[in-house]
Amino acid sequence: MQQHTPKHRVRSVSRRTRLFTGGAVLAVVVAGGAGTVAANAAGSSSGNASSAARSSSGDPARGNLTQSTHLTVDAATKAAQAALDAAEKENQRISVAVVDRNGNTLVTLRGDGAGPQSYESAERKAFTAVSWNAPTSELVKRLEQTPNLKDIPGTLFLGGGAPVAVKGVPVAGIGVAGAPSGDLDEKFAKAGVAALGR
């Protein structure tokens, strides 16, 4: 007497078998490929040094890269603290921001009692100063000839921003906001710049 296995059971076993077999074949192929890559890497390791030496003269990056100078976080913190200290000596409540050459904020300090608007204003003044490599009080004068400058995102054309330059090239900007006048804000920002020279 013959026993028959139900059809759906045969298919199920058959699928599992195919999946298992396919997985095993795939594992062997991957392992073989990895072994080949490892063998190639080991075989060519001695040649890598000489090929690197040969390709250094033909480096495609040569002539396509520039270098720029940026303040360290420690230097940015020193400048920000100096600006804040200068303001506190005159009983002024300010916020100060230091941005790098690309306008990215490195450090912000908000003095005790500084107004809520001063934080963002300080960042925007710093960004404006480094963007044009000029104190923001001077840039205010440019608005008379070019009033649409104020429409550039992230800028604020009010006194209180000072650039930090190395050999005439801007590397950072310091912005101060919160004092009763832009002249005072800028005085404190310049105190931060001066601290970097000490």
Protein backbone atom coordinates (compact mmCIF):
# COMPACT_ATOMS: atom_id res chain seq x y z
CA MET A 1 0.00 0.00 0.00
CA GLN A 2 1.45 3.32 -1.03
CA GLN A 3 1.27 6.44 1.03
CA HIS A 4 0.82 9.75 -0.70
CA THR A 5 2.21 12.98 0.64
CA PRO A 6 -0.19 15.89 0.27
CA LYS A 7 0.72 18.14 -2.63
CA HIS A 8 1.02 21.32 -0.60
CA ARG A 9 3.49 19.63 1.71
CA VAL A 10 5.71 18.55 -1.18
CA ARG A 11 5.74 22.11 -2.52
CA SER A 12 6.58 23.51 0.90
CA VAL A 13 9.54 21.17 1.31
CA SER A 14 10.60 21.85 -2.22
CA ARG A 15 10.58 25.63 -1.64
CA ARG A 16 12.58 25.30 1.54
CA THR A 17 15.06 23.10 -0.20
CA ARG A 18 15.43 25.60 -3.03
CA LEU A 19 15.86 28.48 -0.61
CA PHE A 20 18.41 26.58 1.42
CA THR A 21 20.33 25.51 -1.66
CA GLY A 22 20.23 29.03 -3.12
CA GLY A 23 21.44 30.49 0.19
CA ALA A 24 24.30 28.03 0.37
CA VAL A 25 25.38 28.81 -3.20
CA LEU A 26 25.22 32.54 -2.47
CA ALA A 27 27.33 32.09 0.67
CA VAL A 28 29.97 30.18 -1.32
CA VAL A 29 30.03 32.88 -4.02
CA VAL A 30 30.34 35.69 -1.46
CA ALA A 31 33.06 33.84 0.44
CA GLY A 32 34.93 33.18 -2.79
CA GLY A 33 34.65 36.83 -3.78
CA ALA A 34 35.87 37.97 -0.38
CA GLY A 35 38.78 35.55 -0.61
CA THR A 36 39.67 36.90 -4.04
CA VAL A 37 39.55 40.50 -2.79
CA ALA A 38 41.68 39.58 0.22
CA ALA A 39 44.15 37.73 -1.98
CA ASN A 40 44.36 40.65 -4.39
CA ALA A 41 44.86 43.08 -1.51
CA ALA A 42 47.59 40.94 0.01
CA GLY A 43 49.25 40.36 -3.33
CA SER A 44 49.30 44.01 -4.24
CA SER A 45 50.20 45.46 -0.83
CA SER A 46 53.85 45.58 -1.71
CA GLY A 47 53.01 47.36 -4.93
CA ASN A 48 50.71 49.89 -3.25
CA ALA A 49 53.56 51.97 -1.83
CA SER A 50 55.26 52.32 -5.19
CA SER A 51 51.99 53.00 -7.02
CA ALA A 52 51.09 55.64 -4.40
CA ALA A 53 54.46 57.27 -4.95
CA ARG A 54 53.91 57.22 -8.71
CA SER A 55 50.38 58.66 -8.47
CA SER A 56 51.28 61.46 -6.05
CA SER A 57 52.70 63.53 -8.87
CA GLY A 58 49.49 62.98 -10.85
CA ASP A 59 47.17 63.59 -7.89
CA PRO A 60 43.86 64.88 -9.33
CA ALA A 61 43.31 66.98 -6.20
CA ARG A 62 46.39 69.08 -6.84
CA GLY A 63 45.32 72.54 -7.88
CA ASN A 64 41.68 71.80 -7.02
CA LEU A 65 41.81 72.43 -3.28
CA THR A 66 42.16 75.53 -1.15
CA GLN A 67 43.10 75.97 2.45
CA SER A 68 41.45 78.36 4.86
CA THR A 69 42.21 79.50 8.38
CA HIS A 70 39.65 79.15 11.16
CA LEU A 71 39.62 80.12 14.81
CA THR A 72 39.81 77.33 17.32
CA VAL A 73 36.92 76.96 19.74
CA ASP A 74 39.25 78.07 22.53
CA ALA A 75 40.15 81.26 20.67
CA ALA A 76 36.50 81.95 19.86
CA THR A 77 35.56 81.46 23.50
CA LYS A 78 38.36 83.77 24.61
CA ALA A 79 37.15 86.49 22.23
CA ALA A 80 33.51 86.09 23.28
CA GLN A 81 34.40 86.25 26.97
CA ALA A 82 36.53 89.36 26.42
CA ALA A 83 33.61 91.10 24.70
CA LEU A 84 31.25 90.10 27.51
CA ASP A 85 33.73 91.27 30.17
CA ALA A 86 34.15 94.64 28.44
CA ALA A 87 30.37 95.12 28.45
CA GLU A 88 30.01 94.09 32.09
CA LYS A 89 32.62 96.68 33.11
CA GLU A 90 30.25 99.29 31.71
CA ASN A 91 27.17 97.65 33.24
CA GLN A 92 25.79 96.65 29.85
CA ARG A 93 23.76 93.50 29.32
CA ILE A 94 24.67 91.97 25.99
CA SER A 95 24.88 88.78 23.99
CA VAL A 96 27.96 87.99 21.93
CA ALA A 97 28.45 85.54 19.06
CA VAL A 98 31.55 84.39 17.22
CA VAL A 99 31.20 82.84 13.77
CA ASP A 100 33.82 81.21 11.56
CA ARG A 101 34.82 82.23 8.04
CA ASN A 102 31.81 80.42 6.61
CA GLY A 103 29.37 82.11 8.98
CA ASN A 104 28.89 79.04 11.18
CA THR A 105 28.41 79.89 14.84
CA LEU A 106 31.30 78.76 17.02
CA VAL A 107 30.39 80.34 20.35
CA THR A 108 27.55 82.39 21.80
CA LEU A 109 27.42 83.88 25.27
CA ARG A 110 24.36 85.56 26.66
CA GLY A 111 25.13 87.89 29.51
CA ASP A 112 22.96 88.04 32.59
CA GLY A 113 19.90 90.14 31.88
CA ALA A 114 20.49 90.42 28.11
CA GLY A 115 17.32 90.90 26.10
CA PRO A 116 15.86 87.97 24.16
CA GLN A 117 16.39 89.71 20.82
CA SER A 118 20.11 90.19 21.46
CA TYR A 119 21.06 86.54 20.92
CA GLU A 120 20.00 86.31 17.27
CA SER A 121 21.05 89.89 16.54
CA ALA A 122 24.59 89.15 17.74
CA GLU A 123 24.84 86.12 15.43
CA ARG A 124 23.58 88.08 12.44
CA LYS A 125 25.97 90.98 13.10
CA ALA A 126 28.90 88.55 13.32
CA PHE A 127 27.80 86.89 10.07
CA THR A 128 27.51 90.27 8.34
CA ALA A 129 30.95 91.42 9.54
CA VAL A 130 32.77 88.30 8.34
CA SER A 131 30.85 88.22 5.05
CA TRP A 132 32.08 91.68 4.04
CA ASN A 133 35.26 91.77 6.16
CA ALA A 134 34.21 95.10 7.61
CA PRO A 135 32.73 96.47 10.83
CA THR A 136 28.96 96.57 10.53
CA SER A 137 28.92 100.30 11.34
CA GLU A 138 30.77 100.89 8.05
CA LEU A 139 28.40 98.58 6.21
CA VAL A 140 25.42 100.63 7.39
CA LYS A 141 26.76 103.46 5.19
CA ARG A 142 26.75 101.18 2.15
CA LEU A 143 22.99 100.78 2.50
CA GLU A 144 22.60 104.36 1.30
CA GLN A 145 23.98 103.39 -2.11
CA THR A 146 22.71 99.79 -2.13
CA PRO A 147 19.58 99.50 0.05
CA ASN A 148 18.80 95.95 -1.11
CA LEU A 149 21.86 94.64 0.78
CA LYS A 150 19.63 94.38 3.84
CA ASP A 151 17.57 91.74 1.99
CA ILE A 152 20.41 89.20 2.05
CA PRO A 153 19.38 86.37 4.40
CA GLY A 154 21.14 86.20 7.75
CA THR A 155 22.54 89.73 7.67
CA LEU A 156 21.94 92.65 10.01
CA PHE A 157 23.27 96.06 9.08
CA LEU A 158 23.53 97.64 12.52
CA GLY A 159 26.64 98.62 14.45
CA GLY A 160 27.99 95.84 16.64
CA GLY A 161 29.81 93.43 14.32
CA ALA A 162 33.58 93.27 13.81
CA PRO A 163 35.61 90.99 11.56
CA VAL A 164 38.65 89.03 12.66
CA ALA A 165 41.24 89.05 9.88
CA VAL A 166 44.62 87.42 9.36
CA LYS A 167 46.81 89.21 6.81
CA GLY A 168 43.73 91.04 5.60
CA VAL A 169 41.72 87.86 5.05
CA PRO A 170 38.61 87.38 7.24
CA VAL A 171 38.70 84.27 9.42
CA ALA A 172 35.84 85.03 11.82
CA GLY A 173 33.29 87.60 12.90
CA ILE A 174 32.28 88.81 16.34
CA GLY A 175 28.83 90.24 16.90
CA VAL A 176 27.47 91.99 19.97
CA ALA A 177 23.91 93.10 20.63
CA GLY A 178 21.98 94.45 23.59
CA ALA A 179 23.72 97.71 24.50
CA PRO A 180 21.76 100.96 24.06
CA SER A 181 23.66 101.82 20.85
CA GLY A 182 25.41 100.11 17.97
CA ASP A 183 28.54 102.09 18.80
CA LEU A 184 28.73 100.47 22.22
CA ASP A 185 27.99 97.02 20.78
CA GLU A 186 30.80 97.47 18.29
CA LYS A 187 33.18 98.71 20.96
CA PHE A 188 32.63 95.46 22.87
CA ALA A 189 32.98 93.36 19.70
CA LYS A 190 36.32 95.05 19.00
CA ALA A 191 37.40 94.22 22.56
CA GLY A 192 36.86 90.59 21.59
CA VAL A 193 38.97 91.01 18.46
CA ALA A 194 41.73 92.70 20.48
CA ALA A 195 41.81 89.78 22.94
CA LEU A 196 42.91 87.48 20.13
CA GLY A 197 46.04 89.56 19.61
CA ARG A 198 47.20 89.13 23.21
